[in-house]
Structure formats: structure tokens, C-alpha cells
């Protein structure tokens, strides 16, 4: 079977597709999964360059979130995870490989009717955004400003923000990306390449946004402080712009603004029960059609390096899926 490896740190051109032996029989507490779809994120592009905060040991199989069908169940799984059956679709941290053995405790069973491609691109982005908006205590009727609104987590934040009853202002850098944000339900869209503060203030009667969702950082964060409403909350999601920002605390003080940083890894480590609860809510919304993940590119496994390059070149709107 095929797997995609990072054997040398660098750009996507360094990735190697190799034939490896398929996994054997599942052991105690394990299941075997035939992976059908995989997604990658901006963080994965940093991992292959050795720039991510958590370093991988070379060589490693690239990618993370995926979906697939259970093909075999090992000893003990029927007792510890009775809901898992052969043929079930699951979400898992499988990566860019065709088949995998994994602990039953590491997979998330998915409701009937969910498309495998949506299943592979959904949980990491939507879990990140849902946890963030919950931390910010976003309320119906508030204004949510989402930067990078056509990226994976940004598009999810727009989708969730509307479902949670907010008025959503979405920013992005191109007309095509703004169209995706609008399709996801944004009430207003702004091309932020020439600034956004004045438009946000005009749309909010001079008050600013109640919650700012910022996966970009840098100059975007600096300008966001200047159009955040009194008692507003700024969510630090990431630094896709390349520079972590330094909050001007005098602005925070004068306007009673809170800056909230978080990682999904921290939630998994310290608040796993909360993450499980939120995951079930998200899966219910997905199965019922209330949430609509956007996939802009589908790339074959053999061309995984092209999927990475699409993210680096900022061509992806929503998510790219590797099939």
C-alpha cells in the first residue's frame, strides 16, 4: 500500500510517496481502518518544514485528520467499545496512508449519512472554532468578526457563528475567498488587504465587533484591537500571517477587552470530556445539514505534495481533501 512520508525537512517537493507493507491483524484494543479521505492544514505545512511548535521525528507519515471504514476489529474492542462495528465510518488521526491499525479509543464514530470527504475535513477545523467561540461566550445578536474567513478554521467560524445567532463580518484577501465566506453565511464581507477598521466600525454603528476570531495575527491583530467593541473578546487562533502580535495593553485596559489564546491540543490534554461533548454537538449539526464544510480541492494521494503547495500558495478555500 502507499504512504506519504516526510524524510527530509523542507517544502512539499521533499515529500516522498512510498509502497509499504500493509498492516497485519489488529491486536488487543485495536481496529483496522481503510482510509478513504484525508485533510491537511496550515499546521501540517509547518511540520514538514520543522517550524511547528511540536517537532516530529523523521521519517514520519504526513497529515493528520482522516476518515475511513473499519475493516477488522481486534480482541477486547467489542467489550470496551461496543458501538464500533465492521463497516462503520470513523474519523481518526490516520494521515496520508491507505490503511492503518489504530487504538479503538482514538477514533470517533460518525453518524449515518455523513460523506467521507466531509468527515475527513470537518472535526479539527470545526472543533477549533466551536471551542473558541464557546470560550468567547458568543451570544445571539452579537457581532463576530472573522479574519481569514475562507481558510479551514475561518470558514468553520463563519458557519458556526451564523448558527449560533451572531451577525458575522468576514474578511479575506480576494474576491473569490470573500465569495466562499458569503456562501458560508457571512452577513458582510471585507477585503482586508487595504485595511478593515473603518468598515467594521461603520457596520457596527461605531462600536466595533464583540468577538474577533483571528487566525492571521501580525498587522491584522493590531488593527483588530482598534475595532473591537467595549467588553469585546479577541480570540488568538494562530499566526498564518507569519508574525505573532504584541497586544497593546493600554487599548485592552481602556476598552475592557479580553484576549484569549487556546489550542485544541490543550483541550484534548486537560478538558477531554468537554471536547467529547462538543464533538457530539458538532456531529449532530453536520448530520442534520446545519453545517456545511467547504472543500475547494480534491487531490489524489500520489499528488499529496500538490495539496501542501496549494495551502502554502493560499489557493485553498475551506479545505483540501486527499482522496
Protein backbone atom coordinates (compact mmCIF):
# COMPACT_ATOMS: atom_id res chain seq x y z
CA UNK A 1 0.00 0.00 0.00
CA UNK A 2 1.03 3.64 -0.42
CA UNK A 3 2.00 6.17 2.23
CA UNK A 4 3.37 9.71 2.02
CA UNK A 5 6.49 10.41 4.08
CA UNK A 6 8.46 13.42 5.19
CA UNK A 7 12.02 12.06 5.13
CA UNK A 8 13.76 15.43 4.96
CA UNK A 9 12.60 18.77 6.35
CA UNK A 10 11.69 21.32 3.72
CA UNK A 11 8.98 22.21 1.23
CA UNK A 12 6.36 19.92 -0.32
CA UNK A 13 8.80 18.88 -3.04
CA UNK A 14 10.68 16.90 -0.37
CA UNK A 15 7.69 14.61 0.31
CA UNK A 16 8.02 11.01 -0.87
CA UNK A 17 5.29 8.52 -1.81
CA UNK A 18 6.39 5.00 -0.88
CA UNK A 19 4.97 1.50 -1.09
CA UNK A 20 5.00 -0.10 2.35
CA UNK A 21 3.69 -3.36 3.75
CA UNK A 22 0.03 -3.25 4.74
CA UNK A 23 -0.72 -3.63 8.45
CA UNK A 24 -1.37 -7.09 9.85
CA UNK A 25 -4.17 -8.21 12.10
CA UNK A 26 -5.38 -5.78 14.77
CA UNK A 27 -4.07 -6.50 18.25
CA UNK A 28 -5.68 -6.09 21.64
CA UNK A 29 -7.88 -2.98 21.66
CA UNK A 30 -7.06 -2.13 18.03
CA UNK A 31 -9.08 -1.81 14.86
CA UNK A 32 -8.02 -1.76 11.22
CA UNK A 33 -9.32 1.11 9.10
CA UNK A 34 -9.27 1.53 5.31
CA UNK A 35 -8.79 5.28 4.89
CA UNK A 36 -10.89 6.94 2.19
CA UNK A 37 -10.14 10.65 2.61
CA UNK A 38 -7.56 12.81 4.37
CA UNK A 39 -7.18 16.50 5.06
CA UNK A 40 -4.18 18.67 5.82
CA UNK A 41 -3.92 22.09 7.40
CA UNK A 42 -1.57 25.06 7.60
CA UNK A 43 -0.01 23.43 10.68
CA UNK A 44 0.96 20.41 8.55
CA UNK A 45 2.90 22.67 6.18
CA UNK A 46 4.87 23.90 9.20
CA UNK A 47 5.51 20.36 10.46
CA UNK A 48 7.25 19.26 7.25
CA UNK A 49 9.50 22.32 7.48
CA UNK A 50 10.34 21.74 11.14
CA UNK A 51 8.71 25.04 12.08
CA UNK A 52 5.82 23.72 14.18
CA UNK A 53 5.99 24.05 17.96
CA UNK A 54 5.84 20.26 18.34
CA UNK A 55 8.70 18.63 16.42
CA UNK A 56 8.20 15.33 14.58
CA UNK A 57 10.79 12.56 14.40
CA UNK A 58 11.90 11.93 10.82
CA UNK A 59 10.74 9.96 8.91
CA UNK A 60 7.01 10.40 9.56
CA UNK A 61 3.80 9.93 7.62
CA UNK A 62 2.37 13.35 6.85
CA UNK A 63 -1.13 14.59 7.52
CA UNK A 64 -3.48 14.01 10.38
CA UNK A 65 -7.26 14.04 10.23
CA UNK A 66 -8.83 11.41 8.02
CA UNK A 67 -11.89 9.22 7.65
CA UNK A 68 -12.33 5.60 6.71
CA UNK A 69 -14.24 2.38 7.20
CA UNK A 70 -13.48 -0.22 9.86
CA UNK A 71 -12.41 -3.47 8.19
CA UNK A 72 -11.34 -5.55 11.21
CA UNK A 73 -11.79 -5.42 14.98
CA UNK A 74 -9.24 -6.77 17.46
CA UNK A 75 -9.69 -8.56 20.74
CA UNK A 76 -11.31 -6.60 23.54
CA UNK A 77 -12.85 -3.92 21.33
CA UNK A 78 -16.33 -5.45 21.43
CA UNK A 79 -16.25 -5.11 25.22
CA UNK A 80 -14.56 -1.70 25.52
CA UNK A 81 -16.18 -0.01 22.51
CA UNK A 82 -19.36 -2.00 21.72
CA UNK A 83 -20.66 0.65 19.32
CA UNK A 84 -17.82 0.05 16.83
CA UNK A 85 -18.68 -2.39 14.04
CA UNK A 86 -17.03 -3.54 10.83
CA UNK A 87 -18.18 -1.22 8.04
CA UNK A 88 -18.64 1.82 10.28
CA UNK A 89 -17.29 5.18 9.09
CA UNK A 90 -14.97 6.80 11.63
CA UNK A 91 -12.89 9.95 11.96
CA UNK A 92 -9.28 9.29 13.01
CA UNK A 93 -5.74 10.72 13.05
CA UNK A 94 -4.66 8.45 10.20
CA UNK A 95 -2.69 10.68 7.84
CA UNK A 96 -1.72 10.12 4.23
CA UNK A 97 -1.73 6.34 4.11
CA UNK A 98 -4.18 3.80 2.68
CA UNK A 99 -4.74 1.54 5.69
CA UNK A 100 -3.90 1.75 9.40
CA UNK A 101 -4.04 -0.08 12.69
CA UNK A 102 -5.17 2.21 15.49
CA UNK A 103 -6.45 2.01 19.06
CA UNK A 104 -10.23 1.95 19.16
CA UNK A 105 -10.09 4.76 21.72
CA UNK A 106 -8.52 7.09 19.12
CA UNK A 107 -11.37 7.01 16.59
CA UNK A 108 -14.63 8.94 16.56
CA UNK A 109 -17.69 7.03 15.28
CA UNK A 110 -19.69 9.07 12.79
CA UNK A 111 -23.46 9.25 12.31
CA UNK A 112 -25.04 7.60 9.28
CA UNK A 113 -25.23 9.67 6.14
CA UNK A 114 -22.07 11.76 6.58
CA UNK A 115 -19.93 11.95 3.45
CA UNK A 116 -16.40 10.53 3.98
CA UNK A 117 -14.81 13.65 2.47
CA UNK A 118 -16.68 15.95 4.85
CA UNK A 119 -15.82 13.58 7.68
CA UNK A 120 -12.09 13.90 6.92
CA UNK A 121 -12.06 17.69 6.75
CA UNK A 122 -14.55 18.55 9.45
CA UNK A 123 -13.61 17.87 13.05
CA UNK A 124 -10.29 19.64 13.51
CA UNK A 125 -11.48 22.91 11.95
CA UNK A 126 -14.95 22.92 13.46
CA UNK A 127 -13.78 21.72 16.89
CA UNK A 128 -11.21 24.52 16.96
CA UNK A 129 -13.78 27.14 16.01
CA UNK A 130 -16.57 25.86 18.25
CA UNK A 131 -14.33 25.66 21.30
CA UNK A 132 -13.03 29.18 20.56
CA UNK A 133 -16.48 30.72 20.18
CA UNK A 134 -17.61 28.93 23.34
CA UNK A 135 -14.60 30.35 25.22
CA UNK A 136 -15.54 33.82 23.98
CA UNK A 137 -19.13 33.25 25.13
CA UNK A 138 -20.51 34.40 21.78
CA UNK A 139 -24.16 35.32 22.21
CA UNK A 140 -27.04 35.61 19.73
CA UNK A 141 -27.22 39.15 18.37
CA UNK A 142 -23.54 39.91 18.91
CA UNK A 143 -21.18 40.83 16.08
CA UNK A 144 -18.46 38.31 15.18
CA UNK A 145 -15.51 39.47 13.07
CA UNK A 146 -13.78 36.52 11.36
CA UNK A 147 -10.40 37.00 9.68
CA UNK A 148 -9.07 34.56 7.10
CA UNK A 149 -12.70 33.65 6.61
CA UNK A 150 -12.12 31.34 3.64
CA UNK A 151 -9.46 29.23 5.38
CA UNK A 152 -10.29 25.97 7.12
CA UNK A 153 -10.88 27.32 10.63
CA UNK A 154 -12.11 30.69 9.37
CA UNK A 155 -14.81 29.17 7.18
CA UNK A 156 -15.85 26.97 10.10
CA UNK A 157 -16.09 30.04 12.36
CA UNK A 158 -18.37 31.81 9.86
CA UNK A 159 -20.58 28.74 9.56
CA UNK A 160 -20.80 28.26 13.33
CA UNK A 161 -21.16 31.98 14.07
CA UNK A 162 -24.30 32.18 11.96
CA UNK A 163 -25.70 29.00 13.51
CA UNK A 164 -25.08 30.50 16.97
CA UNK A 165 -27.08 33.61 16.08
CA UNK A 166 -24.33 36.19 15.51
CA UNK A 167 -24.04 38.85 12.85
CA UNK A 168 -20.89 37.81 11.00
CA UNK A 169 -18.41 40.15 9.33
CA UNK A 170 -15.90 38.14 7.30
CA UNK A 171 -12.56 39.32 5.95
CA UNK A 172 -10.35 37.76 3.30
CA UNK A 173 -7.80 38.84 0.71
CA UNK A 174 -9.50 38.09 -2.63
CA UNK A 175 -12.91 38.34 -4.26
CA UNK A 176 -13.03 34.55 -4.66
CA UNK A 177 -12.35 33.96 -0.96
CA UNK A 178 -14.95 36.52 0.04
CA UNK A 179 -17.47 34.66 -2.14
CA UNK A 180 -16.79 31.50 -0.11
CA UNK A 181 -17.35 33.41 3.14
CA UNK A 182 -20.61 34.78 1.79
CA UNK A 183 -21.66 31.29 0.74
CA UNK A 184 -20.95 30.10 4.30
CA UNK A 185 -23.41 32.68 5.62
CA UNK A 186 -21.41 35.86 6.33
CA UNK A 187 -23.65 38.92 6.59
CA UNK A 188 -20.90 41.31 5.46
CA UNK A 189 -17.58 40.72 3.70
CA UNK A 190 -14.48 42.96 3.60
CA UNK A 191 -11.29 42.67 1.56
CA UNK A 192 -8.77 43.33 4.33
CA UNK A 193 -5.73 43.79 2.09
CA UNK A 194 -6.22 47.57 2.39
CA UNK A 195 -7.46 47.61 5.97
CA UNK A 196 -10.80 46.86 7.58
CA UNK A 197 -11.15 49.01 10.74
CA UNK A 198 -13.27 51.79 9.22
CA UNK A 199 -15.68 49.37 7.54
CA UNK A 200 -16.12 47.31 10.71
CA UNK A 201 -16.87 50.47 12.72
CA UNK A 202 -19.31 51.68 10.06
CA UNK A 203 -21.14 48.33 10.10
CA UNK A 204 -21.41 48.38 13.91
CA UNK A 205 -22.51 51.99 14.43
CA UNK A 206 -19.04 52.91 15.65
CA UNK A 207 -18.90 50.28 18.42
CA UNK A 208 -16.80 47.55 16.79
CA UNK A 209 -17.04 43.76 16.90
CA UNK A 210 -18.00 41.94 20.09
CA UNK A 211 -15.85 38.92 19.24
CA UNK A 212 -12.84 38.81 16.90
CA UNK A 213 -11.69 35.44 15.54
CA UNK A 214 -8.08 35.86 14.39
CA UNK A 215 -6.06 33.04 12.80
CA UNK A 216 -3.84 35.56 11.00
CA UNK A 217 -2.05 37.59 13.69
CA UNK A 218 0.50 40.31 12.97
CA UNK A 219 -0.88 43.52 11.49
CA UNK A 220 -4.39 42.05 11.39
CA UNK A 221 -4.38 41.60 15.17
CA UNK A 222 -3.03 45.12 15.67
CA UNK A 223 -5.84 46.62 13.61
CA UNK A 224 -8.46 44.37 15.23
CA UNK A 225 -7.85 45.89 18.66
CA UNK A 226 -8.82 49.23 17.19
CA UNK A 227 -12.23 47.98 16.03
CA UNK A 228 -13.20 45.75 18.95
CA UNK A 229 -16.23 46.82 20.95
CA UNK A 230 -16.08 47.68 24.66
CA UNK A 231 -16.03 44.41 26.63
CA UNK A 232 -15.06 42.62 23.41
CA UNK A 233 -13.10 39.38 23.16
CA UNK A 234 -10.26 38.66 20.74
CA UNK A 235 -9.52 35.00 20.02
CA UNK A 236 -5.89 34.22 19.15
CA UNK A 237 -6.25 31.23 16.83
CA UNK A 238 -2.90 31.27 15.00
CA UNK A 239 -0.35 33.27 13.06
CA UNK A 240 -0.94 32.48 9.39
CA UNK A 241 0.31 35.99 8.60
CA UNK A 242 3.71 34.93 9.85
CA UNK A 243 4.11 37.20 12.89
CA UNK A 244 2.70 36.79 16.40
CA UNK A 245 1.31 40.14 17.53
CA UNK A 246 2.05 42.09 20.70
CA UNK A 247 -1.16 43.31 22.34
CA UNK A 248 -1.15 46.99 23.30
CA UNK A 249 -2.37 46.66 26.84
CA UNK A 250 -3.46 50.29 27.09
CA UNK A 251 -6.09 49.57 24.43
CA UNK A 252 -7.20 46.46 26.32
CA UNK A 253 -7.45 48.43 29.54
CA UNK A 254 -9.39 51.41 28.18
CA UNK A 255 -11.99 49.24 26.37
CA UNK A 256 -12.18 46.32 28.84
CA UNK A 257 -11.07 43.91 26.07
CA UNK A 258 -10.10 40.30 26.74
CA UNK A 259 -7.52 38.44 24.61
CA UNK A 260 -7.99 34.67 24.68
CA UNK A 261 -5.38 32.18 23.49
CA UNK A 262 -6.01 28.45 23.21
CA UNK A 263 -5.03 25.26 21.38
CA UNK A 264 -7.09 22.22 20.56
CA UNK A 265 -4.21 20.08 21.86
CA UNK A 266 -4.59 21.71 25.26
CA UNK A 267 -8.29 20.88 25.30
CA UNK A 268 -7.54 17.25 24.45
CA UNK A 269 -4.99 17.07 27.25
CA UNK A 270 -6.81 18.91 30.02
CA UNK A 271 -10.52 19.06 29.09
CA UNK A 272 -11.15 15.89 27.10
CA UNK A 273 -14.71 15.45 28.38
CA UNK A 274 -15.62 18.93 27.14
CA UNK A 275 -14.12 18.16 23.74
CA UNK A 276 -16.10 14.92 23.52
CA UNK A 277 -19.33 16.75 24.39
CA UNK A 278 -18.70 19.46 21.80
CA UNK A 279 -17.78 16.86 19.18
CA UNK A 280 -21.15 15.17 19.59
CA UNK A 281 -22.92 18.51 19.18
CA UNK A 282 -20.94 19.25 16.01
CA UNK A 283 -21.58 15.82 14.51
CA UNK A 284 -25.28 16.24 15.15
CA UNK A 285 -25.29 19.58 13.37
CA UNK A 286 -23.31 18.11 10.47
CA UNK A 287 -25.59 15.08 10.08
CA UNK A 288 -28.67 17.31 10.14
CA UNK A 289 -27.27 19.61 7.45
CA UNK A 290 -26.97 22.67 9.70
CA UNK A 291 -23.23 22.90 8.99
CA UNK A 292 -21.74 22.92 5.50
CA UNK A 293 -17.96 22.41 5.26
CA UNK A 294 -16.42 23.82 2.09
CA UNK A 295 -13.95 21.73 0.04
CA UNK A 296 -12.23 23.63 -2.75
CA UNK A 297 -9.73 20.99 -3.96
CA UNK A 298 -9.61 17.19 -4.22
CA UNK A 299 -6.15 15.73 -4.80
CA UNK A 300 -5.10 12.07 -5.29
CA UNK A 301 -2.86 10.50 -2.64
CA UNK A 302 0.02 10.23 -5.11
CA UNK A 303 -0.02 14.03 -5.51
CA UNK A 304 -0.13 14.95 -1.82
CA UNK A 305 2.76 17.38 -2.33
CA UNK A 306 0.47 19.41 -4.62
CA UNK A 307 -2.10 19.67 -1.82
CA UNK A 308 0.57 21.06 0.51
CA UNK A 309 1.64 23.58 -2.12
CA UNK A 310 -1.95 24.73 -2.59
CA UNK A 311 -2.09 25.65 1.11
CA UNK A 312 1.29 27.39 1.01
CA UNK A 313 0.19 29.36 -2.06
CA UNK A 314 -3.07 30.31 -0.28
CA UNK A 315 -5.16 28.74 -3.03
CA UNK A 316 -7.32 26.64 -0.70
CA UNK A 317 -10.74 27.92 0.26
CA UNK A 318 -12.18 25.94 3.14
CA UNK A 319 -10.28 22.65 2.99
CA UNK A 320 -8.31 20.47 0.57
CA UNK A 321 -9.06 16.75 0.71
CA UNK A 322 -6.65 13.98 -0.34
CA UNK A 323 -8.50 11.02 -1.83
